[in-house]
Amino acid sequence: METPASPPPPAHSHTEQNHQNEEARGPRLREIPLRLLVPNLITVLAICAGLTGIRLAFEGRYELAVAMVLLAAFLDGIDGRVARLLKATSKFGVQMDSLADIINFGVAPALVSYAFLLDQAHSMGWIAALLYAIAAGLRLARFNVMEDRNIKADWQSEFFVGVPAPMGAMLVLLPVYLGFLGLEFSPVFVYASVAYTLLIGYLLVSRLPVWSGKSSRIRRDLMLPIMLAVVLYVALLMSYTWQVLSVTVVAYLLVLPFSARAWHRRYGTITIEDDSANV
């Protein structure tokens, strides 16, 4: 006599058992594409370069310290572009980038300049370095707030409000470049450097309209000459680093009045008074 076959277990019992097994193993870690790590790795490298520049400055290796700060500024300038290119933008990356900006564009240049030169002005030199670093932080905070707004003014594609922090880091090191070129550290030069550092800090937080170049276009027939000019600039920078950086800084400062003049012709004011710039 055959024993009747037992009925098959309900299908949902296997599902419940699998679910219980997954709960027993704990929550699974969500996998992310490797490309999402690339921009954050660049940001971390930028922070490492900036902090290393500070260490080298206090060890007396000033030229290498400045090179590390400039490398940090370069890496910090491309991480956002790499993130957009790889479609790897994230809130975490934005926060990391803000942290790196404060270190590389504010703290590192200020401390390198102080270790090299401003310390000879004693407390005045430290106050100048401190105020510059704070100004860079305020400049970055204002930029982040303006970028987060859903509605942006038309002029934001053409002008910055104040000198951007990356350029500020390059500008504030001008006395250091001149020192590398053999300029004597007289009391006049030292205290002029203190005043210059304060001036750059002011330009960072000012409402001075500064050309951004974001909406600039070039004629097609000028593309090759401009590419050759860029190659020539880089070649000169590699061969005559401190001379080229000094000339670049002076040229940038000379362009600022023309930027303000262009704004005045269009909007009738010297500084940016638009509500979009209020923070």
C-alpha atoms as a PDB file:
ATOM      1  CA  MET A   1       0.000   0.000   0.000  1.00  0.00           C
ATOM      2  CA  GLU A   2       1.543   3.289  -1.100  1.00  0.00           C
ATOM      3  CA  THR A   3       1.927   6.121   1.384  1.00  0.00           C
ATOM      4  CA  PRO A   4       0.367   9.306   0.078  1.00  0.00           C
ATOM      5  CA  ALA A   5       2.961  11.975  -0.732  1.00  0.00           C
ATOM      6  CA  SER A   6       3.087  14.874   1.689  1.00  0.00           C
ATOM      7  CA  PRO A   7       1.927  18.164   0.224  1.00  0.00           C
ATOM      8  CA  PRO A   8       4.754  20.520  -0.914  1.00  0.00           C
ATOM      9  CA  PRO A   9       5.571  23.332   1.516  1.00  0.00           C
ATOM     10  CA  PRO A  10       4.031  26.655   0.634  1.00  0.00           C
ATOM     11  CA  ALA A  11       6.168  28.785  -1.640  1.00  0.00           C
ATOM     12  CA  HIS A  12       6.251  31.682   0.786  1.00  0.00           C
ATOM     13  CA  SER A  13       8.025  29.548   3.405  1.00  0.00           C
ATOM     14  CA  HIS A  14      11.257  29.603   1.345  1.00  0.00           C
ATOM     15  CA  THR A  15      11.017  33.380   1.047  1.00  0.00           C
ATOM     16  CA  GLU A  16      10.549  33.773   4.794  1.00  0.00           C
ATOM     17  CA  GLN A  17      13.484  31.472   5.481  1.00  0.00           C
ATOM     18  CA  ASN A  18      15.751  33.446   3.124  1.00  0.00           C
ATOM     19  CA  HIS A  19      14.644  36.685   4.752  1.00  0.00           C
ATOM     20  CA  GLN A  20      15.448  35.270   8.212  1.00  0.00           C
ATOM     21  CA  ASN A  21      18.882  34.159   6.997  1.00  0.00           C
ATOM     22  CA  GLU A  22      19.610  37.662   5.638  1.00  0.00           C
ATOM     23  CA  GLU A  23      18.583  39.212   8.967  1.00  0.00           C
ATOM     24  CA  ALA A  24      20.864  36.790  10.799  1.00  0.00           C
ATOM     25  CA  ARG A  25      23.803  37.895   8.637  1.00  0.00           C
ATOM     26  CA  GLY A  26      23.157  41.558   9.469  1.00  0.00           C
ATOM     27  CA  PRO A  27      22.652  44.524   7.139  1.00  0.00           C
ATOM     28  CA  ARG A  28      24.415  44.324   3.800  1.00  0.00           C
ATOM     29  CA  LEU A  29      26.837  47.095   2.883  1.00  0.00           C
ATOM     30  CA  ARG A  30      25.763  49.033  -0.164  1.00  0.00           C
ATOM     31  CA  GLU A  31      28.296  48.852  -2.966  1.00  0.00           C
ATOM     32  CA  ILE A  32      29.256  52.031  -4.800  1.00  0.00           C
ATOM     33  CA  PRO A  33      31.037  52.493  -8.134  1.00  0.00           C
ATOM     34  CA  LEU A  34      34.776  53.009  -7.887  1.00  0.00           C
ATOM     35  CA  ARG A  35      34.518  56.238  -9.905  1.00  0.00           C
ATOM     36  CA  LEU A  36      32.755  57.881  -6.947  1.00  0.00           C
ATOM     37  CA  LEU A  37      35.972  57.611  -4.924  1.00  0.00           C
ATOM     38  CA  VAL A  38      38.215  59.384  -7.430  1.00  0.00           C
ATOM     39  CA  PRO A  39      37.183  63.012  -6.664  1.00  0.00           C
ATOM     40  CA  ASN A  40      37.340  62.391  -2.907  1.00  0.00           C
ATOM     41  CA  LEU A  41      40.801  60.848  -3.247  1.00  0.00           C
ATOM     42  CA  ILE A  42      41.955  63.965  -5.102  1.00  0.00           C
ATOM     43  CA  THR A  43      40.530  66.106  -2.283  1.00  0.00           C
ATOM     44  CA  VAL A  44      42.346  64.028   0.347  1.00  0.00           C
ATOM     45  CA  LEU A  45      45.598  64.352  -1.614  1.00  0.00           C
ATOM     46  CA  ALA A  46      45.066  68.119  -1.719  1.00  0.00           C
ATOM     47  CA  ILE A  47      44.668  68.222   2.075  1.00  0.00           C
ATOM     48  CA  CYS A  48      47.818  66.128   2.484  1.00  0.00           C
ATOM     49  CA  ALA A  49      49.748  68.473   0.190  1.00  0.00           C
ATOM     50  CA  GLY A  50      48.575  71.578   2.053  1.00  0.00           C
ATOM     51  CA  LEU A  51      49.411  70.178   5.482  1.00  0.00           C
ATOM     52  CA  THR A  52      52.777  68.933   4.231  1.00  0.00           C
ATOM     53  CA  GLY A  53      53.500  72.427   2.942  1.00  0.00           C
ATOM     54  CA  ILE A  54      52.934  73.781   6.460  1.00  0.00           C
ATOM     55  CA  ARG A  55      55.325  71.211   7.925  1.00  0.00           C
ATOM     56  CA  LEU A  56      58.009  71.950   5.326  1.00  0.00           C
ATOM     57  CA  ALA A  57      57.731  75.681   6.019  1.00  0.00           C
ATOM     58  CA  PHE A  58      58.409  75.212   9.724  1.00  0.00           C
ATOM     59  CA  GLU A  59      61.342  72.962   8.819  1.00  0.00           C
ATOM     60  CA  GLY A  60      62.836  75.779   6.753  1.00  0.00           C
ATOM     61  CA  ARG A  61      62.309  74.153   3.340  1.00  0.00           C
ATOM     62  CA  TYR A  62      60.372  77.096   2.012  1.00  0.00           C
ATOM     63  CA  GLU A  63      60.541  76.583  -1.743  1.00  0.00           C
ATOM     64  CA  LEU A  64      59.249  73.032  -1.426  1.00  0.00           C
ATOM     65  CA  ALA A  65      56.612  74.270   1.025  1.00  0.00           C
ATOM     66  CA  VAL A  66      55.290  76.819  -1.479  1.00  0.00           C
ATOM     67  CA  ALA A  67      55.340  74.171  -4.208  1.00  0.00           C
ATOM     68  CA  MET A  68      53.208  71.893  -2.018  1.00  0.00           C
ATOM     69  CA  VAL A  69      50.732  74.688  -1.293  1.00  0.00           C
ATOM     70  CA  LEU A  70      50.419  75.464  -5.006  1.00  0.00           C
ATOM     71  CA  LEU A  71      50.011  71.739  -5.736  1.00  0.00           C
ATOM     72  CA  ALA A  72      47.274  71.582  -3.112  1.00  0.00           C
ATOM     73  CA  ALA A  73      45.541  74.550  -4.740  1.00  0.00           C
ATOM     74  CA  PHE A  74      45.757  72.847  -8.137  1.00  0.00           C
ATOM     75  CA  LEU A  75      44.350  69.544  -6.855  1.00  0.00           C
ATOM     76  CA  ASP A  76      41.646  71.376  -4.941  1.00  0.00           C
ATOM     77  CA  GLY A  77      40.723  73.219  -8.110  1.00  0.00           C
ATOM     78  CA  ILE A  78      40.229  70.109 -10.235  1.00  0.00           C
ATOM     79  CA  ASP A  79      38.429  67.767  -7.836  1.00  0.00           C
ATOM     80  CA  GLY A  80      35.042  69.371  -8.471  1.00  0.00           C
ATOM     81  CA  ARG A  81      35.547  69.292 -12.232  1.00  0.00           C
ATOM     82  CA  VAL A  82      36.589  65.637 -12.066  1.00  0.00           C
ATOM     83  CA  ALA A  83      33.485  64.865 -10.003  1.00  0.00           C
ATOM     84  CA  ARG A  84      31.220  66.493 -12.583  1.00  0.00           C
ATOM     85  CA  LEU A  85      33.067  64.801 -15.439  1.00  0.00           C
ATOM     86  CA  LEU A  86      32.665  61.358 -13.838  1.00  0.00           C
ATOM     87  CA  LYS A  87      29.135  62.167 -12.611  1.00  0.00           C
ATOM     88  CA  ALA A  88      30.384  61.457  -9.106  1.00  0.00           C
ATOM     89  CA  THR A  89      29.151  64.519  -7.220  1.00  0.00           C
ATOM     90  CA  SER A  90      27.870  63.923  -3.689  1.00  0.00           C
ATOM     91  CA  LYS A  91      27.054  65.851  -0.512  1.00  0.00           C
ATOM     92  CA  PHE A  92      29.964  64.109   1.195  1.00  0.00           C
ATOM     93  CA  GLY A  93      32.306  65.331  -1.527  1.00  0.00           C
ATOM     94  CA  VAL A  94      31.022  68.892  -1.168  1.00  0.00           C
ATOM     95  CA  GLN A  95      31.752  68.877   2.565  1.00  0.00           C
ATOM     96  CA  MET A  96      35.208  67.377   2.012  1.00  0.00           C
ATOM     97  CA  ASP A  97      35.961  70.010  -0.608  1.00  0.00           C
ATOM     98  CA  SER A  98      34.959  72.831   1.752  1.00  0.00           C
ATOM     99  CA  LEU A  99      37.283  71.468   4.438  1.00  0.00           C
ATOM    100  CA  ALA A 100      40.135  71.213   1.941  1.00  0.00           C
ATOM    101  CA  ASP A 101      39.490  74.762   0.696  1.00  0.00           C
ATOM    102  CA  ILE A 102      39.879  76.273   4.158  1.00  0.00           C
ATOM    103  CA  ILE A 103      43.143  74.404   4.737  1.00  0.00           C
ATOM    104  CA  ASN A 104      44.690  74.912   1.312  1.00  0.00           C
ATOM    105  CA  PHE A 105      43.541  78.442   0.500  1.00  0.00           C
ATOM    106  CA  GLY A 106      43.455  79.893   4.012  1.00  0.00           C
ATOM    107  CA  VAL A 107      45.523  78.158   6.674  1.00  0.00           C
ATOM    108  CA  ALA A 108      48.415  76.809   4.580  1.00  0.00           C
ATOM    109  CA  PRO A 109      49.349  80.034   2.706  1.00  0.00           C
ATOM    110  CA  ALA A 110      49.019  82.082   5.900  1.00  0.00           C
ATOM    111  CA  LEU A 111      51.309  79.812   7.925  1.00  0.00           C
ATOM    112  CA  VAL A 112      53.871  79.432   5.135  1.00  0.00           C
ATOM    113  CA  SER A 113      54.027  83.209   4.743  1.00  0.00           C
ATOM    114  CA  TYR A 114      54.300  83.650   8.514  1.00  0.00           C
ATOM    115  CA  ALA A 115      57.089  81.090   8.874  1.00  0.00           C
ATOM    116  CA  PHE A 116      59.056  82.599   5.988  1.00  0.00           C
ATOM    117  CA  LEU A 117      58.654  86.323   6.575  1.00  0.00           C
ATOM    118  CA  LEU A 118      55.796  87.646   8.689  1.00  0.00           C
ATOM    119  CA  ASP A 119      57.214  86.307  11.955  1.00  0.00           C
ATOM    120  CA  GLN A 120      59.856  89.049  11.720  1.00  0.00           C
ATOM    121  CA  ALA A 121      57.041  91.536  12.342  1.00  0.00           C
ATOM    122  CA  HIS A 122      56.263  89.667  15.587  1.00  0.00           C
ATOM    123  CA  SER A 123      52.651  90.092  16.741  1.00  0.00           C
ATOM    124  CA  MET A 124      51.708  92.238  13.755  1.00  0.00           C
ATOM    125  CA  GLY A 125      52.822  89.481  11.402  1.00  0.00           C
ATOM    126  CA  TRP A 126      50.802  86.866  13.260  1.00  0.00           C
ATOM    127  CA  ILE A 127      47.709  89.083  13.302  1.00  0.00           C
ATOM    128  CA  ALA A 128      48.020  89.593   9.533  1.00  0.00           C
ATOM    129  CA  ALA A 129      48.345  85.842   8.910  1.00  0.00           C
ATOM    130  CA  LEU A 130      45.422  85.145  11.247  1.00  0.00           C
ATOM    131  CA  LEU A 131      43.147  87.709   9.611  1.00  0.00           C
ATOM    132  CA  TYR A 132      43.990  86.428   6.140  1.00  0.00           C
ATOM    133  CA  ALA A 133      43.100  82.842   7.125  1.00  0.00           C
ATOM    134  CA  ILE A 134      39.807  84.002   8.663  1.00  0.00           C
ATOM    135  CA  ALA A 135      39.018  86.099   5.581  1.00  0.00           C
ATOM    136  CA  ALA A 136      39.595  83.056   3.365  1.00  0.00           C
ATOM    137  CA  GLY A 137      37.185  81.030   5.510  1.00  0.00           C
ATOM    138  CA  LEU A 138      34.543  83.768   5.321  1.00  0.00           C
ATOM    139  CA  ARG A 139      35.026  84.055   1.554  1.00  0.00           C
ATOM    140  CA  LEU A 140      34.495  80.312   1.131  1.00  0.00           C
ATOM    141  CA  ALA A 141      31.413  80.344   3.366  1.00  0.00           C
ATOM    142  CA  ARG A 142      29.869  83.161   1.311  1.00  0.00           C
ATOM    143  CA  PHE A 143      30.636  81.305  -1.917  1.00  0.00           C
ATOM    144  CA  ASN A 144      29.001  78.101  -0.626  1.00  0.00           C
ATOM    145  CA  VAL A 145      25.863  79.953   0.476  1.00  0.00           C
ATOM    146  CA  MET A 146      25.536  81.699  -2.891  1.00  0.00           C
ATOM    147  CA  GLU A 147      26.055  78.415  -4.768  1.00  0.00           C
ATOM    148  CA  ASP A 148      23.313  76.678  -2.754  1.00  0.00           C
ATOM    149  CA  ARG A 149      20.652  79.190  -3.749  1.00  0.00           C
ATOM    150  CA  ASN A 150      18.184  77.891  -6.302  1.00  0.00           C
ATOM    151  CA  ILE A 151      17.834  81.212  -8.120  1.00  0.00           C
ATOM    152  CA  LYS A 152      21.061  82.863  -9.227  1.00  0.00           C
ATOM    153  CA  ALA A 153      21.569  86.306 -10.666  1.00  0.00           C
ATOM    154  CA  ASP A 154      22.659  86.617 -14.283  1.00  0.00           C
ATOM    155  CA  TRP A 155      25.876  88.392 -13.311  1.00  0.00           C
ATOM    156  CA  GLN A 156      27.095  85.366 -11.318  1.00  0.00           C
ATOM    157  CA  SER A 157      28.161  83.701 -14.562  1.00  0.00           C
ATOM    158  CA  GLU A 158      30.515  86.618 -15.279  1.00  0.00           C
ATOM    159  CA  PHE A 159      31.709  87.992 -11.933  1.00  0.00           C
ATOM    160  CA  PHE A 160      32.880  86.772  -8.547  1.00  0.00           C
ATOM    161  CA  VAL A 161      32.056  88.739  -5.410  1.00  0.00           C
ATOM    162  CA  GLY A 162      35.562  89.539  -4.232  1.00  0.00           C
ATOM    163  CA  VAL A 163      38.773  87.765  -5.179  1.00  0.00           C
ATOM    164  CA  PRO A 164      38.215  83.972  -5.203  1.00  0.00           C
ATOM    165  CA  ALA A 165      39.998  82.025  -2.456  1.00  0.00           C
ATOM    166  CA  PRO A 166      42.238  79.945  -4.797  1.00  0.00           C
ATOM    167  CA  MET A 167      43.582  83.128  -6.376  1.00  0.00           C
ATOM    168  CA  GLY A 168      43.899  84.703  -2.940  1.00  0.00           C
ATOM    169  CA  ALA A 169      46.249  81.913  -1.895  1.00  0.00           C
ATOM    170  CA  MET A 170      48.437  82.614  -4.904  1.00  0.00           C
ATOM    171  CA  LEU A 171      48.337  86.386  -4.353  1.00  0.00           C
ATOM    172  CA  VAL A 172      49.181  86.368  -0.657  1.00  0.00           C
ATOM    173  CA  LEU A 173      52.434  84.492  -1.297  1.00  0.00           C
ATOM    174  CA  LEU A 174      53.882  87.309  -3.452  1.00  0.00           C
ATOM    175  CA  PRO A 175      56.300  88.473  -0.699  1.00  0.00           C
ATOM    176  CA  VAL A 176      57.539  84.886  -0.462  1.00  0.00           C
ATOM    177  CA  TYR A 177      58.174  84.740  -4.227  1.00  0.00           C
ATOM    178  CA  LEU A 178      60.098  88.019  -4.012  1.00  0.00           C
ATOM    179  CA  GLY A 179      62.113  86.635  -1.116  1.00  0.00           C
ATOM    180  CA  PHE A 180      63.081  83.638  -3.241  1.00  0.00           C
ATOM    181  CA  LEU A 181      64.301  86.082  -5.900  1.00  0.00           C
ATOM    182  CA  GLY A 182      66.747  87.587  -3.413  1.00  0.00           C
ATOM    183  CA  LEU A 183      64.877  90.653  -2.176  1.00  0.00           C
ATOM    184  CA  GLU A 184      66.382  91.788   1.116  1.00  0.00           C
ATOM    185  CA  PHE A 185      64.250  91.398   4.241  1.00  0.00           C
ATOM    186  CA  SER A 186      64.471  95.007   5.383  1.00  0.00           C
ATOM    187  CA  PRO A 187      62.032  96.265   8.043  1.00  0.00           C
ATOM    188  CA  VAL A 188      60.243  98.242   5.330  1.00  0.00           C
ATOM    189  CA  PHE A 189      59.744  95.102   3.222  1.00  0.00           C
ATOM    190  CA  VAL A 190      58.598  93.065   6.231  1.00  0.00           C
ATOM    191  CA  TYR A 191      55.957  95.570   7.340  1.00  0.00           C
ATOM    192  CA  ALA A 192      54.920  96.229   3.748  1.00  0.00           C
ATOM    193  CA  SER A 193      54.319  92.468   3.495  1.00  0.00           C
ATOM    194  CA  VAL A 194      52.125  92.656   6.612  1.00  0.00           C
ATOM    195  CA  ALA A 195      50.053  95.420   4.993  1.00  0.00           C
ATOM    196  CA  TYR A 196      49.916  93.478   1.723  1.00  0.00           C
ATOM    197  CA  THR A 197      48.650  90.355   3.513  1.00  0.00           C
ATOM    198  CA  LEU A 198      45.878  92.400   5.122  1.00  0.00           C
ATOM    199  CA  LEU A 199      45.018  93.896   1.723  1.00  0.00           C
ATOM    200  CA  ILE A 200      44.612  90.461   0.141  1.00  0.00           C
ATOM    201  CA  GLY A 201      42.444  89.366   3.069  1.00  0.00           C
ATOM    202  CA  TYR A 202      40.249  92.420   2.494  1.00  0.00           C
ATOM    203  CA  LEU A 203      39.971  91.691  -1.243  1.00  0.00           C
ATOM    204  CA  LEU A 204      38.715  88.195  -0.403  1.00  0.00           C
ATOM    205  CA  VAL A 205      35.757  89.423   1.665  1.00  0.00           C
ATOM    206  CA  SER A 206      35.097  92.617  -0.310  1.00  0.00           C
ATOM    207  CA  ARG A 207      32.226  93.131  -2.737  1.00  0.00           C
ATOM    208  CA  LEU A 208      34.612  93.999  -5.531  1.00  0.00           C
ATOM    209  CA  PRO A 209      33.377  92.563  -8.858  1.00  0.00           C
ATOM    210  CA  VAL A 210      36.039  90.242 -10.258  1.00  0.00           C
ATOM    211  CA  TRP A 211      35.852  88.673 -13.704  1.00  0.00           C
ATOM    212  CA  SER A 212      35.236  84.940 -13.406  1.00  0.00           C
ATOM    213  CA  GLY A 213      35.771  83.973 -17.041  1.00  0.00           C
ATOM    214  CA  LYS A 214      33.016  81.341 -16.796  1.00  0.00           C
ATOM    215  CA  SER A 215      31.027  82.751 -19.698  1.00  0.00           C
ATOM    216  CA  SER A 216      33.988  83.879 -21.790  1.00  0.00           C
ATOM    217  CA  ARG A 217      34.136  82.692 -25.382  1.00  0.00           C
ATOM    218  CA  ILE A 218      36.946  82.814 -27.914  1.00  0.00           C
ATOM    219  CA  ARG A 219      36.877  82.923 -31.672  1.00  0.00           C
ATOM    220  CA  ARG A 220      37.628  79.638 -33.362  1.00  0.00           C
ATOM    221  CA  ASP A 221      40.602  81.083 -35.244  1.00  0.00           C
ATOM    222  CA  LEU A 222      42.209  82.112 -31.939  1.00  0.00           C
ATOM    223  CA  MET A 223      42.034  78.671 -30.357  1.00  0.00           C
ATOM    224  CA  LEU A 224      45.448  77.451 -31.550  1.00  0.00           C
ATOM    225  CA  PRO A 225      47.313  80.687 -30.684  1.00  0.00           C
ATOM    226  CA  ILE A 226      45.795  80.615 -27.199  1.00  0.00           C
ATOM    227  CA  MET A 227      46.797  76.977 -26.744  1.00  0.00           C
ATOM    228  CA  LEU A 228      50.352  77.864 -27.765  1.00  0.00           C
ATOM    229  CA  ALA A 229      50.325  80.784 -25.325  1.00  0.00           C
ATOM    230  CA  VAL A 230      49.260  78.454 -22.507  1.00  0.00           C
ATOM    231  CA  VAL A 231      52.036  76.004 -23.394  1.00  0.00           C
ATOM    232  CA  LEU A 232      54.540  78.878 -23.426  1.00  0.00           C
ATOM    233  CA  TYR A 233      53.295  80.081 -20.030  1.00  0.00           C
ATOM    234  CA  VAL A 234      53.663  76.617 -18.500  1.00  0.00           C
ATOM    235  CA  ALA A 235      57.147  76.229 -19.998  1.00  0.00           C
ATOM    236  CA  LEU A 236      58.212  79.587 -18.559  1.00  0.00           C
ATOM    237  CA  LEU A 237      56.631  78.662 -15.230  1.00  0.00           C
ATOM    238  CA  MET A 238      58.702  75.485 -15.088  1.00  0.00           C
ATOM    239  CA  SER A 239      61.913  77.336 -15.982  1.00  0.00           C
ATOM    240  CA  TYR A 240      61.460  80.652 -14.144  1.00  0.00           C
ATOM    241  CA  THR A 241      58.956  79.699 -11.467  1.00  0.00           C
ATOM    242  CA  TRP A 242      59.200  82.598  -9.017  1.00  0.00           C
ATOM    243  CA  GLN A 243      59.624  85.264 -11.685  1.00  0.00           C
ATOM    244  CA  VAL A 244      56.568  84.047 -13.595  1.00  0.00           C
ATOM    245  CA  LEU A 245      54.459  83.736 -10.439  1.00  0.00           C
ATOM    246  CA  SER A 246      55.428  87.261  -9.380  1.00  0.00           C
ATOM    247  CA  VAL A 247      54.519  88.702 -12.780  1.00  0.00           C
ATOM    248  CA  THR A 248      51.248  86.732 -12.775  1.00  0.00           C
ATOM    249  CA  VAL A 249      50.252  88.123  -9.380  1.00  0.00           C
ATOM    250  CA  VAL A 250      51.065  91.710 -10.367  1.00  0.00           C
ATOM    251  CA  ALA A 251      49.172  91.326 -13.658  1.00  0.00           C
ATOM    252  CA  TYR A 252      46.120  89.941 -11.844  1.00  0.00           C
ATOM    253  CA  LEU A 253      46.108  92.839  -9.380  1.00  0.00           C
ATOM    254  CA  LEU A 254      46.368  95.321 -12.255  1.00  0.00           C
ATOM    255  CA  VAL A 255      43.338  93.742 -13.963  1.00  0.00           C
ATOM    256  CA  LEU A 256      41.080  94.190 -10.907  1.00  0.00           C
ATOM    257  CA  PRO A 257      40.357  97.913 -11.553  1.00  0.00           C
ATOM    258  CA  PHE A 258      39.348  97.101 -15.133  1.00  0.00           C
ATOM    259  CA  SER A 259      36.978  94.446 -13.818  1.00  0.00           C
ATOM    260  CA  ALA A 260      35.384  96.991 -11.475  1.00  0.00           C
ATOM    261  CA  ARG A 261      35.177  99.474 -14.353  1.00  0.00           C
ATOM    262  CA  ALA A 262      33.354  96.935 -16.542  1.00  0.00           C
ATOM    263  CA  TRP A 263      30.859  96.335 -13.727  1.00  0.00           C
ATOM    264  CA  HIS A 264      30.384 100.076 -13.216  1.00  0.00           C
ATOM    265  CA  ARG A 265      29.636 100.623 -16.904  1.00  0.00           C
ATOM    266  CA  ARG A 266      26.987  97.917 -16.856  1.00  0.00           C
ATOM    267  CA  TYR A 267      25.379  98.348 -13.444  1.00  0.00           C
ATOM    268  CA  GLY A 268      26.396 101.854 -12.328  1.00  0.00           C
ATOM    269  CA  THR A 269      28.110 100.898  -9.055  1.00  0.00           C
ATOM    270  CA  ILE A 270      31.708 100.189  -8.082  1.00  0.00           C
ATOM    271  CA  THR A 271      30.917  97.217  -5.837  1.00  0.00           C
ATOM    272  CA  ILE A 272      28.297  94.474  -6.073  1.00  0.00           C
ATOM    273  CA  GLU A 273      25.208  95.667  -4.210  1.00  0.00           C
ATOM    274  CA  ASP A 274      22.819  93.023  -5.561  1.00  0.00           C
ATOM    275  CA  ASP A 275      20.717  91.150  -2.979  1.00  0.00           C
ATOM    276  CA  SER A 276      22.083  87.878  -4.385  1.00  0.00           C
ATOM    277  CA  ALA A 277      25.455  88.760  -2.842  1.00  0.00           C
ATOM    278  CA  ASN A 278      24.003  89.268   0.640  1.00  0.00           C
ATOM    279  CA  VAL A 279      24.909  86.510   3.083  1.00  0.00           C
END
